[in-house]
Amino acid sequence: MIEKVVLASPRGFCAGVVRAIDIVKIALEVFPKPVYVRKEIVHNRHVVEELRSEGAVFVDSLEDVPEGKTVVFSAHGVSPAVRLEAENRKLHVIDATCPLVTKVHLEAARYVQKGYKVLLIGHTGHDEVIGTMGVSETSIFLVTCIEDVERLILRPDEEVAYITQTTLSLFDTEEIIRALKEKFPLIEGPPSADICYATQNRQLAVRDLAVISDLILVVGSKNSSNSNRLVEEALKRNIPSYLIDDHSDVCPEWFDGVKTVGVTSGASAPDSLVADLVNWLSRDGAEVEELIVQKENVEFALPQELEVAHLA
């Protein structure tokens, strides 16, 4: 029987997700509908469904957006080719790209302009990686694991730099960077780490949560990279862990012999889903407490046109 539920803090929405969701909501208020959103604004099914119910139209391609209409780019960013397509089709673009993803794009462009070969550490097919790779079709190469490092063949005189997807595992990324530095002693990297503050903080919180938990539940959607990394952090510490969209995904058999359940959520998961889960877990009287590992007070400004329109 569950005796205690421990909530990791920080958890849930990061500043980039809050900004992206606010951008869509304000756009729906101030611009003629429909407002289109290219891809999922953030990787969470519940967030997308809520915004869809408020009038947002989600599309996979700009071809699905009528000429001249308003389109929001998701928090994961887009390639320069997508921006050019939007310009050619005279779309009114509102950019919800997370500023930390924009930082990675700018780093990539700077290295490419200097003639470097750029090694992007990330996951194949992720929206953020697709956007970053699009900065250059010839100079950016994806590295997903240590084995990819071993397979890299570059000229001895080649200038090389690395950048990373913002939502990776701290541990796995450190290992890959170490391998890159061993293979390319002169490799350059960004002046500050690309993995975002929220990803780092949530992973560190799970590490502490694993010390006192028999089981960890991570609230987040299956296509959320940072949510999957939280599950991996718990499993690395031999603590059973499951990724769930909401409490309806929970299987009762998971709790056999479990007294303390740790709970956290990915950076794109609404805290209301966590609250529902905690209420369900504590329905028989389990104690609920919070494990505070780090305080967060990061905020990102809205695009200027929305800031002005919202205040008007």
Protein backbone atom coordinates (compact mmCIF):
# COMPACT_ATOMS: atom_id res chain seq x y z
CA MET A 1 0.00 0.00 0.00
CA ILE A 2 1.24 3.48 -0.89
CA GLU A 3 2.24 5.35 2.26
CA LYS A 4 3.85 8.44 0.77
CA VAL A 5 3.79 10.44 -2.47
CA VAL A 6 6.80 12.71 -3.03
CA LEU A 7 6.58 15.50 -5.61
CA ALA A 8 9.81 16.61 -7.26
CA SER A 9 10.41 20.34 -7.53
CA PRO A 10 11.05 21.77 -10.04
CA ARG A 11 8.78 19.92 -12.42
CA GLY A 12 6.36 20.77 -15.22
CA PHE A 13 6.26 23.85 -17.42
CA CYS A 14 9.52 25.66 -18.19
CA ALA A 15 9.75 29.29 -19.27
CA GLY A 16 9.95 28.38 -22.97
CA VAL A 17 6.77 26.30 -22.79
CA VAL A 18 4.89 28.98 -20.85
CA ARG A 19 5.93 31.53 -23.46
CA ALA A 20 4.91 29.30 -26.40
CA ILE A 21 1.47 28.53 -24.98
CA ASP A 22 0.90 32.19 -24.09
CA ILE A 23 1.85 33.18 -27.65
CA VAL A 24 -0.84 30.93 -29.13
CA LYS A 25 -3.49 32.05 -26.64
CA ILE A 26 -2.78 35.75 -27.20
CA ALA A 27 -2.66 35.26 -30.98
CA LEU A 28 -6.11 33.69 -30.79
CA GLU A 29 -7.36 36.78 -28.94
CA VAL A 30 -5.88 39.50 -31.12
CA PHE A 31 -5.64 38.14 -34.66
CA PRO A 32 -8.40 36.99 -37.02
CA LYS A 33 -9.16 33.30 -36.73
CA PRO A 34 -8.20 30.75 -37.63
CA VAL A 35 -4.67 30.97 -36.23
CA TYR A 36 -2.52 28.13 -37.53
CA VAL A 37 0.25 26.40 -35.59
CA ARG A 38 2.98 24.52 -37.43
CA LYS A 39 3.54 21.19 -35.64
CA GLU A 40 2.67 20.71 -31.96
CA ILE A 41 3.36 23.97 -30.14
CA VAL A 42 4.94 21.84 -27.38
CA HIS A 43 5.09 18.07 -27.12
CA ASN A 44 2.07 17.43 -24.93
CA ARG A 45 -1.21 15.95 -26.11
CA HIS A 46 -3.31 17.71 -23.46
CA VAL A 47 -1.88 21.14 -24.24
CA VAL A 48 -2.47 20.68 -27.97
CA GLU A 49 -6.05 19.49 -27.44
CA GLU A 50 -6.84 22.46 -25.18
CA LEU A 51 -5.49 24.98 -27.69
CA ARG A 52 -7.32 23.22 -30.52
CA SER A 53 -10.56 23.57 -28.56
CA GLU A 54 -9.88 27.32 -28.29
CA GLY A 55 -9.55 27.66 -32.07
CA ALA A 56 -5.93 26.87 -32.96
CA VAL A 57 -5.49 24.84 -36.14
CA PHE A 58 -2.47 22.53 -36.03
CA VAL A 59 -0.79 21.63 -39.33
CA ASP A 60 2.23 19.56 -40.28
CA SER A 61 3.20 21.71 -43.24
CA LEU A 62 2.94 25.35 -44.28
CA GLU A 63 1.25 24.07 -47.43
CA ASP A 64 -1.83 23.60 -45.23
CA VAL A 65 -1.88 27.31 -44.28
CA PRO A 66 -3.78 29.59 -46.69
CA GLU A 67 -1.71 32.43 -48.12
CA GLY A 68 -1.64 35.53 -45.94
CA LYS A 69 -2.89 33.83 -42.77
CA THR A 70 -1.31 33.87 -39.31
CA VAL A 71 0.93 30.94 -38.39
CA VAL A 72 2.81 30.25 -35.16
CA PHE A 73 6.12 28.38 -35.24
CA SER A 74 6.42 25.87 -32.40
CA ALA A 75 8.78 26.10 -29.43
CA HIS A 76 11.12 23.59 -31.11
CA GLY A 77 12.15 26.01 -33.85
CA VAL A 78 12.26 25.72 -37.64
CA SER A 79 14.89 25.71 -40.36
CA PRO A 80 15.73 28.76 -42.48
CA ALA A 81 14.02 27.00 -45.40
CA VAL A 82 10.71 26.98 -43.51
CA ARG A 83 11.07 30.67 -42.71
CA LEU A 84 11.71 31.40 -46.39
CA GLU A 85 8.67 29.37 -47.40
CA ALA A 86 6.51 31.37 -45.00
CA GLU A 87 7.86 34.61 -46.43
CA ASN A 88 7.23 33.51 -50.01
CA ARG A 89 3.64 32.58 -49.14
CA LYS A 90 3.13 35.93 -47.41
CA LEU A 91 2.21 34.33 -44.11
CA HIS A 92 2.02 36.39 -40.94
CA VAL A 93 4.54 34.56 -38.75
CA ILE A 94 4.64 34.61 -34.97
CA ASP A 95 7.73 32.85 -33.73
CA ALA A 96 7.29 30.83 -30.52
CA THR A 97 10.75 29.22 -30.77
CA CYS A 98 12.23 28.84 -27.30
CA PRO A 99 15.03 31.41 -26.87
CA LEU A 100 17.35 28.59 -25.77
CA VAL A 101 16.72 26.78 -29.07
CA THR A 102 17.33 30.03 -30.93
CA LYS A 103 20.69 30.21 -29.11
CA VAL A 104 21.65 26.81 -30.56
CA HIS A 105 20.59 27.88 -34.08
CA LEU A 106 22.73 31.01 -33.81
CA GLU A 107 25.70 28.97 -32.61
CA ALA A 108 25.28 26.59 -35.54
CA ALA A 109 25.07 29.45 -38.04
CA ARG A 110 28.14 31.13 -36.54
CA TYR A 111 30.25 27.98 -36.77
CA VAL A 112 29.07 27.26 -40.33
CA GLN A 113 29.92 30.80 -41.43
CA LYS A 114 33.43 30.32 -40.03
CA GLY A 115 33.83 27.18 -42.16
CA TYR A 116 33.54 24.62 -39.37
CA LYS A 117 32.01 21.16 -39.60
CA VAL A 118 29.35 21.15 -36.89
CA LEU A 119 28.48 18.02 -34.91
CA LEU A 120 24.98 18.22 -33.48
CA ILE A 121 24.39 15.89 -30.53
CA GLY A 122 20.70 14.99 -30.61
CA HIS A 123 17.94 12.54 -31.43
CA THR A 124 17.03 11.59 -34.99
CA GLY A 125 13.68 12.97 -36.13
CA HIS A 126 13.07 15.31 -33.20
CA ASP A 127 11.51 18.62 -34.31
CA GLU A 128 14.25 20.65 -32.65
CA VAL A 129 16.98 18.61 -34.36
CA ILE A 130 15.30 18.91 -37.76
CA GLY A 131 15.22 22.70 -37.39
CA THR A 132 18.84 22.94 -36.29
CA MET A 133 20.08 20.59 -39.02
CA GLY A 134 18.32 22.85 -41.51
CA VAL A 135 20.72 25.68 -40.73
CA SER A 136 23.12 23.98 -43.18
CA GLU A 137 22.55 20.95 -45.39
CA THR A 138 26.26 20.36 -45.93
CA SER A 139 28.09 21.33 -42.74
CA ILE A 140 26.03 19.92 -39.85
CA PHE A 141 26.20 16.23 -38.92
CA LEU A 142 24.02 14.45 -36.38
CA VAL A 143 25.64 12.49 -33.56
CA THR A 144 23.21 10.35 -31.57
CA CYS A 145 25.53 8.06 -29.59
CA ILE A 146 29.14 7.08 -28.87
CA GLU A 147 29.12 4.74 -31.87
CA ASP A 148 28.37 7.69 -34.15
CA VAL A 149 31.50 9.41 -32.85
CA GLU A 150 33.58 6.38 -33.77
CA ARG A 151 32.13 6.39 -37.30
CA LEU A 152 32.91 10.06 -37.98
CA ILE A 153 35.48 10.57 -40.72
CA LEU A 154 36.78 14.11 -41.15
CA ARG A 155 40.01 15.49 -42.60
CA PRO A 156 42.81 15.98 -40.05
CA ASP A 157 42.87 19.70 -40.83
CA GLU A 158 39.08 20.10 -40.56
CA GLU A 159 37.88 22.68 -38.04
CA VAL A 160 35.19 21.04 -35.91
CA ALA A 161 32.64 22.27 -33.37
CA TYR A 162 29.83 20.63 -31.42
CA ILE A 163 26.39 21.83 -30.29
CA THR A 164 23.56 19.92 -28.62
CA GLN A 165 19.82 19.52 -28.60
CA THR A 166 18.46 21.33 -25.54
CA THR A 167 16.49 18.42 -24.03
CA LEU A 168 19.09 15.68 -23.74
CA SER A 169 20.33 13.58 -20.83
CA LEU A 170 23.12 15.35 -18.96
CA PHE A 171 25.03 12.11 -18.43
CA ASP A 172 24.74 10.81 -21.99
CA THR A 173 25.70 14.18 -23.47
CA GLU A 174 28.77 14.45 -21.23
CA GLU A 175 29.90 11.00 -22.42
CA ILE A 176 29.49 11.92 -26.09
CA ILE A 177 31.29 15.26 -25.65
CA ARG A 178 34.14 13.44 -23.89
CA ALA A 179 34.41 11.03 -26.82
CA LEU A 180 34.36 13.90 -29.32
CA LYS A 181 37.18 15.68 -27.48
CA GLU A 182 39.24 12.50 -27.45
CA LYS A 183 38.80 12.07 -31.22
CA PHE A 184 39.07 15.78 -32.09
CA PRO A 185 41.35 17.42 -29.48
CA LEU A 186 40.88 20.88 -31.01
CA ILE A 187 37.08 20.67 -31.23
CA GLU A 188 35.24 23.81 -30.14
CA GLY A 189 32.00 23.97 -28.21
CA PRO A 190 29.49 26.63 -27.18
CA PRO A 191 30.62 29.13 -24.49
CA SER A 192 27.77 27.89 -22.28
CA ALA A 193 25.98 24.54 -22.21
CA ASP A 194 23.15 24.07 -24.72
CA ILE A 195 21.07 21.75 -22.52
CA CYS A 196 18.42 24.03 -21.07
CA TYR A 197 18.21 24.96 -17.39
CA ALA A 198 14.81 23.27 -17.00
CA THR A 199 16.00 19.98 -18.48
CA GLN A 200 19.00 20.00 -16.15
CA ASN A 201 17.00 20.91 -13.06
CA ARG A 202 14.33 18.27 -13.65
CA GLN A 203 16.94 15.56 -14.22
CA LEU A 204 18.81 16.52 -11.05
CA ALA A 205 15.53 16.48 -9.10
CA VAL A 206 14.76 12.96 -10.35
CA ARG A 207 18.19 11.79 -9.20
CA ASP A 208 17.39 12.97 -5.66
CA LEU A 209 13.84 11.60 -5.93
CA ALA A 210 15.21 8.17 -6.83
CA VAL A 211 17.08 7.98 -3.51
CA ILE A 212 13.84 8.02 -1.50
CA SER A 213 11.32 6.41 -3.91
CA ASP A 214 10.35 2.82 -4.67
CA LEU A 215 8.74 3.87 -7.96
CA ILE A 216 8.75 7.06 -10.03
CA LEU A 217 5.96 8.26 -12.31
CA VAL A 218 6.76 10.91 -14.94
CA VAL A 219 3.83 12.85 -16.38
CA GLY A 220 4.49 13.69 -20.02
CA SER A 221 3.66 12.65 -23.57
CA LYS A 222 5.51 9.87 -25.37
CA ASN A 223 7.03 12.25 -27.94
CA SER A 224 8.44 14.57 -25.27
CA SER A 225 12.22 14.19 -25.29
CA ASN A 226 12.81 15.77 -21.89
CA SER A 227 10.08 13.62 -20.30
CA ASN A 228 11.66 10.43 -21.64
CA ARG A 229 15.01 11.52 -20.23
CA LEU A 230 13.45 11.76 -16.75
CA VAL A 231 12.32 8.13 -16.96
CA GLU A 232 15.83 7.15 -18.06
CA GLU A 233 17.39 8.96 -15.10
CA ALA A 234 15.29 6.92 -12.69
CA LEU A 235 15.94 3.63 -14.48
CA LYS A 236 19.70 4.26 -14.41
CA ARG A 237 19.37 4.25 -10.63
CA ASN A 238 17.46 0.94 -10.69
CA ILE A 239 14.18 2.59 -9.72
CA PRO A 240 11.14 1.41 -11.72
CA SER A 241 9.77 4.36 -13.66
CA TYR A 242 6.94 4.92 -16.13
CA LEU A 243 5.99 7.73 -18.49
CA ILE A 244 2.26 8.49 -18.40
CA ASP A 245 0.12 11.06 -20.18
CA ASP A 246 -2.19 11.25 -17.16
CA HIS A 247 -3.41 9.14 -14.24
CA SER A 248 -5.60 7.00 -16.53
CA ASP A 249 -2.39 5.37 -17.87
CA VAL A 250 -1.44 4.02 -14.45
CA CYS A 251 -1.46 0.24 -13.94
CA PRO A 252 -2.31 -0.92 -10.38
CA GLU A 253 0.16 -3.82 -10.58
CA TRP A 254 3.03 -1.31 -10.69
CA PHE A 255 2.52 -0.67 -6.98
CA ASP A 256 3.04 -4.17 -5.61
CA GLY A 257 5.39 -3.76 -2.65
CA VAL A 258 5.67 0.01 -3.25
CA LYS A 259 5.41 2.33 -0.25
CA THR A 260 6.86 5.59 -1.59
CA VAL A 261 5.94 6.91 -5.06
CA GLY A 262 7.95 9.73 -6.57
CA VAL A 263 6.15 12.01 -9.03
CA THR A 264 7.53 14.50 -11.52
CA SER A 265 6.59 15.86 -14.94
CA GLY A 266 8.23 16.94 -18.14
CA ALA A 267 8.72 20.58 -19.09
CA SER A 268 5.65 20.57 -21.36
CA ALA A 269 3.22 18.80 -18.96
CA PRO A 270 0.52 20.90 -17.22
CA ASP A 271 0.64 20.78 -13.42
CA SER A 272 -3.11 20.07 -13.38
CA LEU A 273 -2.28 16.57 -14.67
CA VAL A 274 0.16 16.11 -11.79
CA ALA A 275 -2.46 17.29 -9.31
CA ASP A 276 -4.96 14.74 -10.67
CA LEU A 277 -2.35 12.00 -10.40
CA VAL A 278 -1.42 12.92 -6.82
CA ASN A 279 -5.10 12.97 -5.81
CA TRP A 280 -5.50 9.50 -7.31
CA LEU A 281 -2.37 8.12 -5.63
CA SER A 282 -3.28 9.56 -2.21
CA ARG A 283 -6.96 8.60 -2.29
CA ASP A 284 -6.44 6.05 0.51
CA GLY A 285 -4.69 8.50 2.79
CA ALA A 286 -1.07 8.46 1.60
CA GLU A 287 1.02 11.37 2.87
CA VAL A 288 2.02 13.93 0.23
CA GLU A 289 5.22 15.94 0.46
CA GLU A 290 7.44 17.97 -1.86
CA LEU A 291 11.15 17.51 -2.50
CA ILE A 292 12.54 20.92 -3.42
CA VAL A 293 15.86 20.60 -5.24
CA GLN A 294 16.06 23.92 -7.07
CA LYS A 295 14.09 27.16 -7.27
CA GLU A 296 13.30 28.54 -10.74
CA ASN A 297 12.44 32.12 -11.61
CA VAL A 298 13.22 32.25 -15.35
CA GLU A 299 10.88 34.18 -17.65
CA PHE A 300 11.10 34.87 -21.38
CA ALA A 301 9.59 37.94 -23.01
CA LEU A 302 6.84 37.62 -25.59
CA PRO A 303 7.47 38.71 -29.20
CA GLN A 304 7.17 42.49 -29.29
CA GLU A 305 4.11 42.57 -31.56
CA LEU A 306 2.21 40.32 -29.15
CA GLU A 307 3.41 42.23 -26.09
CA VAL A 308 2.03 45.44 -27.60
CA ALA A 309 -1.20 43.80 -28.82
CA HIS A 310 -1.81 42.12 -25.46
CA LEU A 311 -1.42 45.36 -23.56
CA ALA A 312 -3.62 47.31 -25.97
